[in-house]
C-alpha atoms as a PDB file:
ATOM      1  CA  MET A   1      44.158 -45.864  54.014  1.00  0.00           C
ATOM      2  CA  ALA A   2      40.462 -46.705  55.454  1.00  0.00           C
ATOM      3  CA  ASP A   3      38.622 -45.687  52.578  1.00  0.00           C
ATOM      4  CA  PHE A   4      40.938 -47.807  50.341  1.00  0.00           C
ATOM      5  CA  LEU A   5      40.086 -50.652  52.443  1.00  0.00           C
ATOM      6  CA  ASP A   6      36.495 -50.050  52.659  1.00  0.00           C
ATOM      7  CA  ALA A   7      35.939 -49.635  48.816  1.00  0.00           C
ATOM      8  CA  ARG A   8      38.389 -53.005  48.503  1.00  0.00           C
ATOM      9  CA  VAL A   9      35.775 -54.685  50.614  1.00  0.00           C
ATOM     10  CA  LYS A  10      32.621 -53.340  48.859  1.00  0.00           C
ATOM     11  CA  GLU A  11      34.213 -54.429  45.645  1.00  0.00           C
ATOM     12  CA  ILE A  12      34.892 -57.746  47.086  1.00  0.00           C
ATOM     13  CA  GLU A  13      31.163 -58.028  48.414  1.00  0.00           C
ATOM     14  CA  GLY A  14      29.597 -57.204  45.077  1.00  0.00           C
ATOM     15  CA  ARG A  15      31.639 -59.668  43.181  1.00  0.00           C
ATOM     16  CA  LEU A  16      30.618 -62.385  45.645  1.00  0.00           C
ATOM     17  CA  GLN A  17      27.120 -61.488  45.237  1.00  0.00           C
ATOM     18  CA  GLU A  18      27.277 -61.934  41.561  1.00  0.00           C
ATOM     19  CA  LEU A  19      28.820 -65.200  41.911  1.00  0.00           C
ATOM     20  CA  ARG A  20      26.593 -66.896  44.226  1.00  0.00           C
ATOM     21  CA  PRO A  21      24.034 -67.922  41.538  1.00  0.00           C
ATOM     22  CA  LEU A  22      26.805 -69.640  40.102  1.00  0.00           C
ATOM     23  CA  ILE A  23      27.612 -71.356  43.502  1.00  0.00           C
ATOM     24  CA  GLU A  24      24.230 -72.831  43.417  1.00  0.00           C
ATOM     25  CA  GLU A  25      24.045 -73.946  40.133  1.00  0.00           C
ATOM     26  CA  TYR A  26      27.167 -76.008  40.715  1.00  0.00           C
ATOM     27  CA  ASN A  27      25.982 -77.456  43.681  1.00  0.00           C
ATOM     28  CA  ARG A  28      22.510 -78.302  41.924  1.00  0.00           C
ATOM     29  CA  LEU A  29      24.160 -80.042  39.338  1.00  0.00           C
ATOM     30  CA  GLU A  30      26.862 -81.766  41.191  1.00  0.00           C
ATOM     31  CA  ALA A  31      23.892 -83.544  43.202  1.00  0.00           C
ATOM     32  CA  ALA A  32      22.072 -84.306  40.082  1.00  0.00           C
ATOM     33  CA  SER A  33      25.445 -85.619  38.705  1.00  0.00           C
ATOM     34  CA  ALA A  34      25.787 -88.072  42.127  1.00  0.00           C
ATOM     35  CA  ALA A  35      22.448 -89.041  42.065  1.00  0.00           C
ATOM     36  CA  LEU A  36      22.512 -90.152  38.482  1.00  0.00           C
ATOM     37  CA  THR A  37      25.651 -92.061  38.622  1.00  0.00           C
ATOM     38  CA  GLY A  38      25.186 -93.260  42.483  1.00  0.00           C
ATOM     39  CA  ARG A  39      28.492 -91.862  43.733  1.00  0.00           C
ATOM     40  CA  ALA A  40      28.986 -89.418  46.407  1.00  0.00           C
ATOM     41  CA  THR A  41      28.782 -86.152  46.056  1.00  0.00           C
ATOM     42  CA  LEU A  42      31.694 -83.527  46.442  1.00  0.00           C
ATOM     43  CA  PRO A  43      31.756 -80.917  49.067  1.00  0.00           C
ATOM     44  CA  ARG A  44      28.986 -78.183  48.410  1.00  0.00           C
ATOM     45  CA  LEU A  45      30.531 -74.917  47.555  1.00  0.00           C
ATOM     46  CA  ARG A  46      30.049 -72.682  50.530  1.00  0.00           C
ATOM     47  CA  GLY A  47      27.882 -69.776  50.237  1.00  0.00           C
ATOM     48  CA  ALA A  48      25.154 -71.497  48.291  1.00  0.00           C
ATOM     49  CA  SER A  49      22.553 -72.087  50.929  1.00  0.00           C
ATOM     50  CA  PRO A  50      19.611 -69.895  51.127  1.00  0.00           C
ATOM     51  CA  ARG A  51      19.915 -69.145  54.764  1.00  0.00           C
ATOM     52  CA  SER A  52      23.709 -68.648  54.397  1.00  0.00           C
ATOM     53  CA  ASN A  53      25.101 -65.548  55.885  1.00  0.00           C
ATOM     54  CA  GLY A  54      27.636 -65.113  53.473  1.00  0.00           C
ATOM     55  CA  ASN A  55      30.591 -66.675  54.857  1.00  0.00           C
ATOM     56  CA  GLY A  56      29.384 -70.303  54.443  1.00  0.00           C
ATOM     57  CA  SER A  57      27.929 -71.071  57.738  1.00  0.00           C
ATOM     58  CA  SER A  58      24.037 -70.923  58.324  1.00  0.00           C
ATOM     59  CA  ALA A  59      22.240 -68.721  60.507  1.00  0.00           C
ATOM     60  CA  ALA A  60      19.712 -71.829  61.369  1.00  0.00           C
ATOM     61  CA  SER A  61      21.930 -74.527  61.643  1.00  0.00           C
ATOM     62  CA  ARG A  62      21.858 -75.390  65.517  1.00  0.00           C
ATOM     63  CA  ARG A  63      17.897 -74.570  65.435  1.00  0.00           C
ATOM     64  CA  GLY A  64      15.691 -77.092  66.397  1.00  0.00           C
ATOM     65  CA  ARG A  65      18.132 -79.878  67.534  1.00  0.00           C
ATOM     66  CA  PRO A  66      19.908 -80.079  70.813  1.00  0.00           C
ATOM     67  CA  ARG A  67      23.581 -80.067  70.638  1.00  0.00           C
ATOM     68  CA  GLY A  68      24.807 -83.567  70.851  1.00  0.00           C
ATOM     69  CA  SER A  69      21.762 -85.060  68.938  1.00  0.00           C
ATOM     70  CA  ARG A  70      21.852 -87.930  66.752  1.00  0.00           C
ATOM     71  CA  GLY A  71      19.679 -86.540  63.991  1.00  0.00           C
ATOM     72  CA  ASP A  72      20.118 -87.458  60.126  1.00  0.00           C
ATOM     73  CA  ASN A  73      22.533 -84.793  60.130  1.00  0.00           C
ATOM     74  CA  THR A  74      23.816 -84.202  56.453  1.00  0.00           C
ATOM     75  CA  ARG A  75      27.442 -84.458  57.273  1.00  0.00           C
ATOM     76  CA  ALA A  76      26.940 -87.850  58.723  1.00  0.00           C
ATOM     77  CA  THR A  77      24.909 -88.977  56.444  1.00  0.00           C
ATOM     78  CA  GLN A  78      27.485 -87.696  53.627  1.00  0.00           C
ATOM     79  CA  ALA A  79      30.202 -89.647  55.665  1.00  0.00           C
ATOM     80  CA  VAL A  80      28.185 -92.904  55.853  1.00  0.00           C
ATOM     81  CA  GLU A  81      27.729 -92.623  52.058  1.00  0.00           C
ATOM     82  CA  LEU A  82      31.570 -92.505  51.529  1.00  0.00           C
ATOM     83  CA  VAL A  83      32.162 -95.193  53.529  1.00  0.00           C
ATOM     84  CA  ARG A  84      29.425 -97.186  51.419  1.00  0.00           C
ATOM     85  CA  THR A  85      31.001 -96.389  48.340  1.00  0.00           C
ATOM     86  CA  GLN A  86      34.535 -96.576  49.273  1.00  0.00           C
ATOM     87  CA  PRO A  87      35.064 -99.383  51.887  1.00  0.00           C
ATOM     88  CA  GLY A  88      38.471 -98.997  54.021  1.00  0.00           C
ATOM     89  CA  ILE A  89      38.217 -95.099  53.781  1.00  0.00           C
ATOM     90  CA  THR A  90      40.113 -93.685  56.738  1.00  0.00           C
ATOM     91  CA  ILE A  91      38.887 -90.596  58.533  1.00  0.00           C
ATOM     92  CA  PRO A  92      41.728 -87.919  56.655  1.00  0.00           C
ATOM     93  CA  GLU A  93      40.916 -89.179  53.332  1.00  0.00           C
ATOM     94  CA  LEU A  94      36.932 -88.984  54.443  1.00  0.00           C
ATOM     95  CA  ALA A  95      37.676 -85.360  55.624  1.00  0.00           C
ATOM     96  CA  GLN A  96      39.492 -84.540  52.431  1.00  0.00           C
ATOM     97  CA  HIS A  97      36.706 -85.756  50.164  1.00  0.00           C
ATOM     98  CA  MET A  98      34.020 -83.935  52.584  1.00  0.00           C
ATOM     99  CA  GLY A  99      36.130 -80.740  52.495  1.00  0.00           C
ATOM    100  CA  ILE A 100      36.053 -80.806  56.452  1.00  0.00           C
ATOM    101  CA  ARG A 101      38.590 -80.923  59.157  1.00  0.00           C
ATOM    102  CA  PRO A 102      38.935 -84.413  60.592  1.00  0.00           C
ATOM    103  CA  ASN A 103      38.098 -83.800  64.186  1.00  0.00           C
ATOM    104  CA  TYR A 104      34.382 -83.673  63.436  1.00  0.00           C
ATOM    105  CA  LEU A 105      34.514 -87.236  61.745  1.00  0.00           C
ATOM    106  CA  TYR A 106      37.205 -88.602  64.804  1.00  0.00           C
ATOM    107  CA  ARG A 107      33.839 -87.485  66.832  1.00  0.00           C
ATOM    108  CA  ILE A 108      30.992 -88.435  64.781  1.00  0.00           C
ATOM    109  CA  LEU A 109      32.296 -92.079  63.368  1.00  0.00           C
ATOM    110  CA  PRO A 110      32.238 -93.840  66.698  1.00  0.00           C
ATOM    111  CA  GLN A 111      28.736 -92.489  67.141  1.00  0.00           C
ATOM    112  CA  LEU A 112      27.723 -93.676  63.916  1.00  0.00           C
ATOM    113  CA  GLU A 113      29.610 -97.291  64.932  1.00  0.00           C
ATOM    114  CA  GLU A 114      27.308 -97.606  67.881  1.00  0.00           C
ATOM    115  CA  ASP A 115      24.520 -96.917  65.865  1.00  0.00           C
ATOM    116  CA  GLY A 116      25.459 -99.594  63.335  1.00  0.00           C
ATOM    117  CA  ARG A 117      25.615 -97.642  60.326  1.00  0.00           C
ATOM    118  CA  VAL A 118      29.541 -98.246  60.177  1.00  0.00           C
ATOM    119  CA  ARG A 119      32.174-100.526  61.434  1.00  0.00           C
ATOM    120  CA  ARG A 120      35.684 -99.908  61.940  1.00  0.00           C
ATOM    121  CA  ASP A 121      38.684-102.421  60.924  1.00  0.00           C
ATOM    122  CA  ASP A 122      41.920-101.117  62.049  1.00  0.00           C
ATOM    123  CA  LYS A 123      42.378 -97.426  60.131  1.00  0.00           C
ATOM    124  CA  GLY A 124      39.686 -98.145  57.979  1.00  0.00           C
ATOM    125  CA  TRP A 125      35.850 -97.650  58.187  1.00  0.00           C
ATOM    126  CA  PHE A 126      33.309 -99.784  56.567  1.00  0.00           C
ATOM    127  CA  PRO A 127      29.575-100.311  56.066  1.00  0.00           C
ATOM    128  CA  GLY A 128      27.735-101.572  59.126  1.00  0.00           C
END
């Protein structure tokens, strides 16, 4: 049974390696389209980062910046851009557009509001 599972895992990993260039091309084209049309980008497909460890997360994602720092991180910037292009958007809607769970946005949006980048009105978020 273990040999069967090992063979399937190797098969899947091989196929993922074959598909990785397509993911990278998709992300480049999506970013180019968004830049040309002025709309927010769709969530990146996982596994396309050159630093990716294959499971969609970057091994270097926490290096260089202390935890809790309000640097110009990509997701916060993406959230601000979505708020700018879709005033009144809610956190669940933002999370769906970004392809993430809302708990991150419930933490980061109040910080962005303190920084004056967004403002809250009832349940919706607007440009600051």
